[in-house]
Amino acid sequence: MKLIKKYLNRLELNPPRVLALGFGALILFGALLLNLPIATKTGESIGFINSLFTSASAVCVTGLVVVNTAEYWSLFGQIVIIILIQMGGLGFTTMATIVALLLGKKITLKERLIIKEQLNQETMSGLVKLTRYVIFSTFLIEGIGALLLSTRFIPKFGLNKGIWFSIFHAISAFCNAGFDIIGDSIAPFVGDFIINITIGFLIIIGGLGFTVYIDISRNKGFKKLSLHSKLVITITAILVIGGMLVFFMTEKNNPDTLLNLTGKERVLASFFQSAITRTAGFYSVDISKLYDTTVFIMIILMYIGGSPGSTAGGIKTTTFGTILFTTIAVIKGDKDVVVFNKRLSQDIINRSLAIASIGLILVISVSVLLTLTEEATFLDLLFETTSAFGTVGLTRGVTPNLSDVGKLIITLTMYAGRVGPLTMAFAFAQRQKPVLYRHSEGNIMVG
C-alpha cells in the first residue's frame, strides 16, 4: 500500500493523463450502473465483465455489444447507455465544463489545458467559447437528425416509442456509437432513403470534428478554409465515395447482401456501409455474409476512421492524409511535403507516422492474442480488433461469443482507441529527460 500511495503522490496529472483516467472513471461508473438488476428486462444482473464491456463500448462510442440492446436492456439500461454515449462523444471534460458554466464557475488554466488536449486545439485562446459552440452544435445537429428520423419511426412504432427511437438513434449516430434499439440495426430499413441518408450523414458530420464546423461557418467557400479543414473534407470525401464504389462493385453479385436488392437499395446500402466505417457500428446488410475482399477493405477504412477533435476513432483522416502526401513527395523526390500550397512540418509527419505505427502494432498484437483465446477465423478477429480500435462497433458475429478474457482484451482496445494511441503513450510515459548531447549521424539502406 505504501508503494502504491508513493506512486500516486508522484503521479503528475498532465492533460493526457487526466483524459485517460477520466474516461476510465466514466467507464467504471457506467459499468456499476449497468450491473444493477434494474438495468435489464429480466431483473437479473448481467455480470460485471459484461456491464464493463457495454459501458466501455458506450463511453468509447463504439457499439460492440455482448447482448442485443433492444431485447436485453430495460428502459433504465437504455437511458444509461445513451447518456454514456453522449458523454463519451462530447468528452467528459466538455460535460464538466457545461456544469461549471451553469453554476457560474470560472474555468481554470488546468481545465483549459485539458479541454485543449481533448478538442485537439493548438492554442488555448477561445476554448470556453469553443466548448459552448461544441455543445450547441451537438444538440442542434442531433435535434435535426431526431426530427427527420421521427417522420419514419413515429408512423411505424407509435408516438412515444417513435420519439424515443428517434432521439436514441440520432445521438448514437452523431456520436458515432452504432448502438441501436430496433433489434437488427437499420437492416429492416435498407431501402428507406430518409433513414439511410439521415443516419449516414449524422455519422459523417460527427466524424468531421468540431473545429471544421466552426471553420465552415466562419469562412464561406472551400478556398478560404484552413489547411486542416481542407484535408479533413477532402480525405473524408475520397474515403466515403471510394468505399461506396468498392462496396458496390465487390458485393453486387453477393446473394446475401446486394444481389436481391433493387438498384436504389443497392446504392443506399453501399453508401451506408461506406459511411459506417467512419466509426459507427450501424449496418443495413448482414456484415457476417460479406465477401472477404469487402471485409479487408472495410478493415482499412475502419483503421483510418474519422477526424481529430470529433466523436470518431481510428488513426484519423489527417494522419492518413499526411502519410499519403509524404509518400507522394518521397516518390516525386520533393524535399518538402506540400498540401494545398502549405508545407507540413517534420513534427506533424513524425507524429502521423508514430500514430499509424502504434495503431498498427496494437491491432496486429491484439488480433494475434485473440487467436489464443477465441475460436474464430483470423480475418474475423482482425475485423473485430480493428472495429474496437477504430471505435466502429461492427462485428462478424464474434462479440457475443467472446470469452471473458477476450471481452477484457477488446474492452482495453476500445479504451485505447477512444483515448488515442499517442495520447495514451503521453499519458503514462515517464517525463522525458532533457537532451544534453546528440549522437553522430549514421546511415542505413532502406527500401
Protein backbone atom coordinates (compact mmCIF):
# COMPACT_ATOMS: atom_id res chain seq x y z
CA MET A 1 0.00 0.00 0.00
CA LYS A 2 2.84 2.37 0.82
CA LEU A 3 4.36 1.79 -2.62
CA ILE A 4 1.03 2.49 -4.31
CA LYS A 5 0.49 5.64 -2.25
CA LYS A 6 4.02 6.80 -3.02
CA TYR A 7 3.43 6.24 -6.76
CA LEU A 8 0.12 8.12 -6.68
CA ASN A 9 1.76 11.06 -4.94
CA ARG A 10 4.40 11.19 -7.67
CA LEU A 11 1.81 10.85 -10.41
CA GLU A 12 1.68 14.14 -12.30
CA LEU A 13 -1.81 14.69 -13.71
CA ASN A 14 -0.90 16.19 -17.08
CA PRO A 15 -3.77 16.78 -19.57
CA PRO A 16 -3.33 13.47 -21.49
CA ARG A 17 -3.26 11.56 -18.21
CA VAL A 18 -6.36 13.35 -16.92
CA LEU A 19 -8.19 12.48 -20.15
CA ALA A 20 -7.15 8.83 -19.97
CA LEU A 21 -8.06 8.47 -16.28
CA GLY A 22 -11.29 10.45 -16.77
CA PHE A 23 -12.55 8.13 -19.50
CA GLY A 24 -11.56 5.16 -17.34
CA ALA A 25 -13.52 6.51 -14.36
CA LEU A 26 -16.58 7.17 -16.54
CA ILE A 27 -16.43 3.61 -17.89
CA LEU A 28 -16.24 2.19 -14.37
CA PHE A 29 -19.17 4.33 -13.17
CA GLY A 30 -21.26 3.24 -16.16
CA ALA A 31 -20.39 -0.40 -15.52
CA LEU A 32 -21.66 -0.14 -11.93
CA LEU A 33 -24.99 1.29 -13.14
CA LEU A 34 -25.42 -1.30 -15.91
CA ASN A 35 -24.60 -4.08 -13.46
CA LEU A 36 -27.72 -3.25 -11.43
CA PRO A 37 -30.70 -5.65 -11.84
CA ILE A 38 -32.94 -2.68 -12.75
CA ALA A 39 -30.87 -2.18 -15.94
CA THR A 40 -32.13 -5.42 -17.51
CA LYS A 41 -35.60 -6.54 -18.57
CA THR A 42 -35.22 -9.84 -16.71
CA GLY A 43 -34.34 -8.12 -13.43
CA GLU A 44 -31.11 -10.10 -13.17
CA SER A 45 -27.62 -8.58 -13.17
CA ILE A 46 -25.72 -9.10 -16.41
CA GLY A 47 -22.44 -9.61 -14.55
CA PHE A 48 -19.63 -7.13 -14.07
CA ILE A 49 -17.49 -8.15 -17.07
CA ASN A 50 -20.44 -7.80 -19.44
CA SER A 51 -21.53 -4.49 -17.89
CA LEU A 52 -17.92 -3.22 -18.07
CA PHE A 53 -17.74 -4.22 -21.75
CA THR A 54 -21.05 -2.49 -22.55
CA SER A 55 -20.10 0.64 -20.61
CA ALA A 56 -16.71 0.84 -22.36
CA SER A 57 -18.42 0.36 -25.72
CA ALA A 58 -20.85 3.21 -24.93
CA VAL A 59 -18.31 5.66 -23.44
CA CYS A 60 -15.82 4.90 -26.22
CA VAL A 61 -18.71 5.39 -28.70
CA THR A 62 -18.00 2.02 -30.29
CA GLY A 63 -21.18 -0.06 -30.48
CA LEU A 64 -19.89 -3.58 -29.92
CA VAL A 65 -22.42 -5.45 -27.76
CA VAL A 66 -22.46 -8.78 -25.98
CA VAL A 67 -26.28 -8.80 -25.86
CA ASN A 68 -28.98 -7.33 -28.10
CA THR A 69 -29.55 -3.79 -26.79
CA ALA A 70 -33.24 -3.72 -27.75
CA GLU A 71 -34.09 -7.11 -26.30
CA TYR A 72 -31.96 -7.26 -23.14
CA TRP A 73 -31.73 -3.81 -21.55
CA SER A 74 -34.65 -2.16 -19.76
CA LEU A 75 -35.60 1.46 -20.34
CA PHE A 76 -33.32 2.39 -17.42
CA GLY A 77 -30.44 0.47 -19.00
CA GLN A 78 -31.04 2.07 -22.40
CA ILE A 79 -31.12 5.56 -20.84
CA VAL A 80 -27.83 4.87 -19.03
CA ILE A 81 -26.30 3.67 -22.32
CA ILE A 82 -27.39 6.73 -24.32
CA ILE A 83 -26.16 9.11 -21.58
CA LEU A 84 -22.79 7.33 -21.58
CA ILE A 85 -22.71 7.65 -25.39
CA GLN A 86 -23.46 11.38 -25.20
CA MET A 87 -20.84 11.94 -22.51
CA GLY A 88 -18.31 9.82 -24.35
CA GLY A 89 -19.00 11.62 -27.62
CA LEU A 90 -18.72 15.11 -26.17
CA GLY A 91 -15.93 14.11 -23.81
CA PHE A 92 -16.15 14.13 -20.04
CA THR A 93 -14.27 17.44 -19.74
CA THR A 94 -16.82 19.12 -22.03
CA MET A 95 -19.62 17.78 -19.85
CA ALA A 96 -17.81 19.02 -16.73
CA THR A 97 -17.43 22.43 -18.38
CA ILE A 98 -21.21 22.52 -19.01
CA VAL A 99 -21.85 22.03 -15.29
CA ALA A 100 -19.21 24.65 -14.38
CA LEU A 101 -20.72 27.21 -16.78
CA LEU A 102 -24.24 26.55 -15.48
CA LEU A 103 -23.02 27.06 -11.91
CA GLY A 104 -21.21 30.26 -12.91
CA LYS A 105 -17.77 28.90 -12.02
CA LYS A 106 -14.60 30.12 -13.71
CA ILE A 107 -12.66 27.70 -15.93
CA THR A 108 -9.15 27.34 -14.51
CA LEU A 109 -5.92 27.19 -16.53
CA LYS A 110 -5.55 23.46 -15.83
CA GLU A 111 -9.10 22.81 -17.04
CA ARG A 112 -8.37 24.82 -20.19
CA LEU A 113 -5.29 22.68 -20.84
CA ILE A 114 -7.41 19.53 -20.57
CA ILE A 115 -10.06 20.95 -22.93
CA LYS A 116 -7.28 21.91 -25.36
CA GLU A 117 -5.99 18.31 -25.32
CA GLN A 118 -9.46 16.79 -25.71
CA LEU A 119 -10.54 19.03 -28.61
CA ASN A 120 -7.16 18.77 -30.37
CA GLN A 121 -6.57 22.53 -30.34
CA GLU A 122 -3.20 24.20 -30.92
CA THR A 123 -3.84 27.23 -28.68
CA MET A 124 -5.87 27.99 -25.55
CA SER A 125 -7.49 31.13 -26.93
CA GLY A 126 -11.27 30.93 -27.15
CA LEU A 127 -11.54 27.45 -25.59
CA VAL A 128 -14.59 28.23 -23.45
CA LYS A 129 -16.33 29.80 -26.46
CA LEU A 130 -15.38 26.70 -28.49
CA THR A 131 -16.84 24.45 -25.79
CA ARG A 132 -20.12 26.37 -25.91
CA TYR A 133 -20.14 26.00 -29.69
CA VAL A 134 -19.45 22.25 -29.39
CA ILE A 135 -22.38 21.82 -27.02
CA PHE A 136 -24.78 23.96 -29.06
CA SER A 137 -23.86 22.40 -32.43
CA THR A 138 -24.08 18.88 -31.00
CA PHE A 139 -27.59 19.30 -29.64
CA LEU A 140 -28.72 21.20 -32.75
CA ILE A 141 -27.47 18.53 -35.18
CA GLU A 142 -28.82 15.70 -33.05
CA GLY A 143 -32.16 17.52 -32.78
CA ILE A 144 -32.45 17.93 -36.55
CA GLY A 145 -31.49 14.28 -37.01
CA ALA A 146 -34.08 13.13 -34.48
CA LEU A 147 -36.75 15.25 -36.19
CA LEU A 148 -36.02 13.67 -39.58
CA LEU A 149 -35.95 10.15 -38.14
CA SER A 150 -39.25 10.75 -36.35
CA THR A 151 -41.01 11.10 -39.73
CA ARG A 152 -40.31 7.38 -40.22
CA PHE A 153 -40.21 5.98 -36.69
CA ILE A 154 -43.39 7.58 -35.31
CA PRO A 155 -45.67 6.17 -38.08
CA LYS A 156 -44.07 2.74 -37.60
CA PHE A 157 -43.69 2.49 -33.80
CA GLY A 158 -46.22 4.99 -32.44
CA LEU A 159 -45.72 8.42 -30.85
CA ASN A 160 -43.87 7.66 -27.60
CA LYS A 161 -41.74 4.81 -28.91
CA GLY A 162 -41.12 6.64 -32.19
CA ILE A 163 -39.83 9.75 -30.40
CA TRP A 164 -37.59 7.67 -28.12
CA PHE A 165 -36.21 5.71 -31.09
CA SER A 166 -35.56 8.94 -32.99
CA ILE A 167 -33.66 10.59 -30.12
CA PHE A 168 -31.67 7.46 -29.26
CA HIS A 169 -30.53 6.76 -32.82
CA ALA A 170 -29.78 10.41 -33.61
CA ILE A 171 -27.43 10.64 -30.60
CA SER A 172 -25.94 7.22 -31.32
CA ALA A 173 -25.30 8.15 -34.97
CA PHE A 174 -23.84 11.63 -34.41
CA CYS A 175 -21.59 10.33 -31.61
CA ASN A 176 -20.51 7.54 -33.99
CA ALA A 177 -21.59 4.89 -31.47
CA GLY A 178 -23.72 2.49 -33.51
CA PHE A 179 -25.93 1.25 -30.65
CA ASP A 180 -29.48 0.53 -31.81
CA ILE A 181 -32.73 -0.35 -30.07
CA ILE A 182 -34.51 -1.59 -33.20
CA GLY A 183 -33.02 -5.05 -32.74
CA ASP A 184 -31.28 -5.51 -36.09
CA SER A 185 -29.75 -2.07 -36.65
CA ILE A 186 -31.37 -0.48 -39.73
CA ALA A 187 -31.46 -3.69 -41.78
CA PRO A 188 -35.31 -3.56 -41.78
CA PHE A 189 -35.00 -0.11 -43.44
CA VAL A 190 -32.37 -0.97 -46.05
CA GLY A 191 -34.37 0.80 -48.78
CA ASP A 192 -35.59 3.76 -46.72
CA PHE A 193 -33.99 6.91 -48.14
CA ILE A 194 -34.69 9.18 -45.13
CA ILE A 195 -33.31 6.79 -42.50
CA ASN A 196 -30.21 5.80 -44.51
CA ILE A 197 -29.30 9.35 -45.53
CA THR A 198 -30.07 10.88 -42.11
CA ILE A 199 -28.08 8.35 -40.08
CA GLY A 200 -25.34 8.22 -42.73
CA PHE A 201 -24.82 11.99 -42.72
CA LEU A 202 -25.06 12.20 -38.92
CA ILE A 203 -22.18 9.72 -38.82
CA ILE A 204 -20.12 11.64 -41.40
CA ILE A 205 -20.78 15.04 -39.79
CA GLY A 206 -19.98 13.66 -36.34
CA GLY A 207 -16.70 12.34 -37.71
CA LEU A 208 -15.54 15.66 -39.21
CA GLY A 209 -14.64 17.39 -35.96
CA PHE A 210 -15.96 20.49 -34.23
CA THR A 211 -13.17 22.77 -35.46
CA VAL A 212 -14.21 22.02 -39.04
CA TYR A 213 -17.81 23.16 -38.31
CA ILE A 214 -16.51 26.45 -36.92
CA ASP A 215 -14.22 26.95 -39.90
CA ILE A 216 -17.05 26.30 -42.37
CA SER A 217 -19.41 28.68 -40.51
CA ARG A 218 -16.79 31.46 -40.47
CA ASN A 219 -15.32 31.02 -43.94
CA LYS A 220 -17.73 30.55 -46.80
CA GLY A 221 -16.13 28.67 -49.67
CA PHE A 222 -13.60 25.84 -49.76
CA LYS A 223 -10.65 28.07 -50.70
CA LYS A 224 -10.99 30.15 -47.52
CA LEU A 225 -10.92 27.15 -45.19
CA SER A 226 -7.89 26.26 -43.08
CA LEU A 227 -5.48 23.55 -44.23
CA HIS A 228 -6.85 21.21 -41.56
CA SER A 229 -10.46 21.59 -42.75
CA LYS A 230 -9.49 21.20 -46.40
CA LEU A 231 -7.58 17.99 -45.68
CA VAL A 232 -10.35 16.57 -43.47
CA ILE A 233 -13.10 17.25 -46.03
CA THR A 234 -11.03 16.00 -48.98
CA ILE A 235 -9.89 12.75 -47.35
CA THR A 236 -13.36 12.09 -45.91
CA ALA A 237 -14.99 12.56 -49.33
CA ILE A 238 -12.43 10.29 -51.00
CA LEU A 239 -12.90 7.55 -48.39
CA VAL A 240 -16.72 7.70 -48.36
CA ILE A 241 -17.15 7.80 -52.15
CA GLY A 242 -14.31 5.35 -52.76
CA GLY A 243 -15.63 2.97 -50.11
CA MET A 244 -19.12 3.18 -51.59
CA LEU A 245 -17.89 2.31 -55.09
CA VAL A 246 -15.72 -0.56 -53.86
CA PHE A 247 -18.55 -1.99 -51.74
CA PHE A 248 -20.97 -1.80 -54.67
CA MET A 249 -18.53 -3.49 -57.07
CA THR A 250 -17.47 -6.29 -54.71
CA GLU A 251 -20.92 -7.09 -53.28
CA LYS A 252 -23.25 -6.56 -56.25
CA ASN A 253 -23.31 -10.31 -57.02
CA ASN A 254 -23.47 -11.45 -53.38
CA PRO A 255 -26.92 -13.08 -52.83
CA ASP A 256 -26.64 -12.46 -49.07
CA THR A 257 -26.11 -8.70 -49.36
CA LEU A 258 -26.80 -6.67 -52.55
CA LEU A 259 -27.83 -9.11 -55.30
CA ASN A 260 -31.51 -9.34 -54.33
CA LEU A 261 -31.95 -5.61 -53.69
CA THR A 262 -33.32 -3.08 -56.17
CA GLY A 263 -30.98 -0.60 -57.86
CA LYS A 264 -31.91 2.18 -55.43
CA GLU A 265 -31.47 -0.11 -52.43
CA ARG A 266 -28.03 -1.21 -53.66
CA VAL A 267 -26.85 2.39 -53.91
CA LEU A 268 -28.25 3.26 -50.47
CA ALA A 269 -26.75 0.13 -48.89
CA SER A 270 -23.35 0.79 -50.50
CA PHE A 271 -23.35 4.40 -49.30
CA PHE A 272 -24.45 3.40 -45.80
CA GLN A 273 -21.85 0.65 -45.36
CA SER A 274 -19.15 3.06 -46.51
CA ALA A 275 -20.38 5.78 -44.14
CA ILE A 276 -20.42 3.48 -41.10
CA THR A 277 -16.71 2.76 -41.48
CA ARG A 278 -16.26 6.42 -40.37
CA THR A 279 -16.51 4.63 -36.96
CA ALA A 280 -20.21 3.93 -36.32
CA GLY A 281 -21.40 0.35 -35.98
CA PHE A 282 -24.80 0.51 -37.66
CA TYR A 283 -25.44 -1.75 -40.65
CA SER A 284 -28.15 -2.30 -43.26
CA VAL A 285 -26.90 -5.64 -44.65
CA ASP A 286 -25.55 -8.73 -42.90
CA ILE A 287 -21.87 -7.95 -42.16
CA SER A 288 -21.11 -11.62 -41.46
CA LYS A 289 -22.06 -12.52 -45.06
CA LEU A 290 -19.72 -10.07 -46.80
CA TYR A 291 -17.06 -11.35 -49.19
CA ASP A 292 -13.51 -11.45 -47.81
CA THR A 293 -12.39 -8.71 -50.22
CA THR A 294 -15.04 -6.35 -48.88
CA VAL A 295 -14.14 -7.23 -45.31
CA PHE A 296 -10.48 -6.39 -45.94
CA ILE A 297 -11.37 -3.02 -47.50
CA MET A 298 -13.62 -2.22 -44.53
CA ILE A 299 -10.78 -3.09 -42.14
CA ILE A 300 -8.60 -0.46 -43.86
CA LEU A 301 -11.38 2.15 -43.72
CA MET A 302 -12.10 1.41 -40.04
CA TYR A 303 -8.39 1.67 -39.22
CA ILE A 304 -8.30 5.17 -40.75
CA GLY A 305 -11.52 6.21 -39.02
CA GLY A 306 -12.75 9.78 -38.64
CA SER A 307 -11.05 13.11 -37.97
CA PRO A 308 -9.30 14.76 -34.99
CA GLY A 309 -11.46 16.61 -32.46
CA SER A 310 -14.53 14.58 -33.44
CA THR A 311 -16.50 11.72 -31.93
CA ALA A 312 -14.75 9.23 -34.23
CA GLY A 313 -11.84 6.85 -33.64
CA GLY A 314 -9.11 5.34 -35.80
CA ILE A 315 -5.76 6.89 -36.67
CA LYS A 316 -7.74 9.81 -38.19
CA THR A 317 -8.13 11.13 -41.74
CA THR A 318 -5.45 13.80 -41.32
CA THR A 319 -2.92 11.20 -40.19
CA PHE A 320 -3.69 9.10 -43.25
CA GLY A 321 -3.57 12.18 -45.48
CA THR A 322 -0.20 13.26 -44.08
CA ILE A 323 1.32 9.82 -44.67
CA LEU A 324 -0.21 9.68 -48.16
CA PHE A 325 1.17 13.07 -49.21
CA THR A 326 4.54 12.30 -47.59
CA THR A 327 4.77 9.12 -49.65
CA ILE A 328 3.90 11.03 -52.82
CA ALA A 329 6.56 13.65 -52.01
CA VAL A 330 9.22 10.96 -51.49
CA ILE A 331 8.30 9.26 -54.78
CA LYS A 332 8.47 12.59 -56.63
CA GLY A 333 11.76 13.47 -54.98
CA ASP A 334 10.38 16.63 -53.35
CA LYS A 335 12.21 17.97 -50.31
CA ASP A 336 9.04 19.33 -48.69
CA VAL A 337 5.61 17.78 -48.19
CA VAL A 338 3.15 20.30 -49.63
CA VAL A 339 -0.62 20.05 -49.19
CA PHE A 340 -2.92 22.73 -50.66
CA ASN A 341 0.09 25.03 -51.13
CA LYS A 342 1.12 24.66 -47.47
CA ARG A 343 4.26 22.86 -46.24
CA LEU A 344 3.80 20.29 -43.49
CA SER A 345 6.28 20.44 -40.62
CA GLN A 346 8.52 17.48 -39.81
CA ASP A 347 6.88 17.26 -36.37
CA ILE A 348 3.45 16.65 -37.94
CA ILE A 349 4.93 13.97 -40.22
CA ASN A 350 6.69 12.28 -37.29
CA ARG A 351 3.53 12.29 -35.15
CA SER A 352 1.49 10.85 -38.02
CA LEU A 353 3.97 8.03 -38.56
CA ALA A 354 4.04 7.34 -34.81
CA ILE A 355 0.22 7.22 -34.54
CA ALA A 356 -0.10 4.92 -37.56
CA SER A 357 2.70 2.65 -36.32
CA ILE A 358 1.36 2.39 -32.75
CA GLY A 359 -2.15 1.73 -34.07
CA LEU A 360 -0.94 -0.96 -36.47
CA ILE A 361 1.15 -2.68 -33.78
CA LEU A 362 -1.81 -2.60 -31.38
CA VAL A 363 -4.30 -4.02 -33.91
CA ILE A 364 -1.97 -6.83 -35.03
CA SER A 365 -0.90 -7.71 -31.47
CA VAL A 366 -4.47 -7.87 -30.17
CA SER A 367 -5.63 -9.89 -33.20
CA VAL A 368 -2.86 -12.45 -32.66
CA LEU A 369 -3.58 -12.55 -28.92
CA LEU A 370 -7.27 -13.24 -29.58
CA THR A 371 -6.37 -16.27 -31.69
CA LEU A 372 -5.14 -17.84 -28.43
CA THR A 373 -8.39 -17.19 -26.53
CA GLU A 374 -11.16 -17.26 -29.17
CA GLU A 375 -12.48 -19.75 -31.71
CA ALA A 376 -12.85 -17.70 -34.88
CA THR A 377 -11.01 -17.13 -38.15
CA PHE A 378 -8.10 -14.68 -38.11
CA LEU A 379 -9.90 -12.39 -40.59
CA ASP A 380 -12.92 -12.16 -38.28
CA LEU A 381 -10.68 -11.47 -35.27
CA LEU A 382 -8.74 -8.83 -37.22
CA PHE A 383 -12.07 -7.25 -38.21
CA GLU A 384 -13.24 -7.32 -34.57
CA THR A 385 -10.00 -5.80 -33.27
CA THR A 386 -9.90 -3.04 -35.89
CA SER A 387 -13.56 -2.30 -35.17
CA ALA A 388 -12.74 -1.94 -31.47
CA PHE A 389 -9.62 0.17 -32.06
CA GLY A 390 -11.43 2.41 -34.55
CA THR A 391 -14.41 2.58 -32.12
CA VAL A 392 -16.61 1.42 -35.01
CA GLY A 393 -18.72 -1.31 -33.44
CA LEU A 394 -19.12 -3.65 -36.41
CA THR A 395 -18.74 -7.37 -35.83
CA ARG A 396 -18.95 -10.55 -37.88
CA GLY A 397 -20.64 -12.42 -35.05
CA VAL A 398 -17.56 -12.60 -32.80
CA THR A 399 -18.58 -10.21 -29.97
CA PRO A 400 -21.45 -12.23 -28.39
CA ASN A 401 -19.25 -15.34 -28.32
CA LEU A 402 -16.14 -13.76 -26.78
CA SER A 403 -14.67 -15.41 -23.69
CA ASP A 404 -14.27 -13.32 -20.53
CA VAL A 405 -10.59 -12.83 -21.35
CA GLY A 406 -11.49 -11.82 -24.91
CA LYS A 407 -14.05 -9.29 -23.60
CA LEU A 408 -11.44 -7.68 -21.35
CA ILE A 409 -8.94 -7.51 -24.23
CA ILE A 410 -11.49 -5.86 -26.54
CA THR A 411 -12.55 -3.51 -23.72
CA LEU A 412 -8.96 -2.27 -23.35
CA THR A 413 -8.67 -1.95 -27.14
CA MET A 414 -11.82 0.21 -27.30
CA TYR A 415 -10.44 2.34 -24.47
CA ALA A 416 -7.09 2.81 -26.23
CA GLY A 417 -8.86 3.61 -29.49
CA ARG A 418 -11.09 6.29 -27.92
CA VAL A 419 -8.37 8.00 -25.91
CA GLY A 420 -5.93 7.74 -28.81
CA PRO A 421 -2.71 5.70 -29.01
CA LEU A 422 -0.38 8.70 -28.85
CA THR A 423 -2.35 10.31 -26.01
CA MET A 424 -2.10 7.02 -24.11
CA ALA A 425 1.64 6.98 -24.67
CA PHE A 426 1.98 10.60 -23.48
CA ALA A 427 -0.32 9.97 -20.52
CA PHE A 428 1.54 7.09 -18.93
CA ALA A 429 5.10 7.55 -20.17
CA GLN A 430 7.72 8.89 -17.82
CA ARG A 431 8.67 12.53 -18.16
CA GLN A 432 11.23 12.93 -20.91
CA LYS A 433 14.72 13.83 -19.71
CA PRO A 434 16.41 16.84 -21.29
CA VAL A 435 18.78 16.01 -24.15
CA LEU A 436 22.30 17.02 -23.15
CA TYR A 437 24.00 15.76 -26.29
CA ARG A 438 23.30 14.28 -29.74
CA HIS A 439 24.88 11.20 -31.32
CA SER A 440 26.70 11.43 -34.61
CA GLU A 441 24.56 10.77 -37.68
CA GLY A 442 24.61 7.28 -39.19
CA ASN A 443 23.36 5.85 -42.47
CA ILE A 444 21.36 2.72 -43.31
CA MET A 445 19.86 1.31 -46.51
CA VAL A 446 16.05 1.18 -46.66
CA GLY A 447 13.53 0.05 -49.27
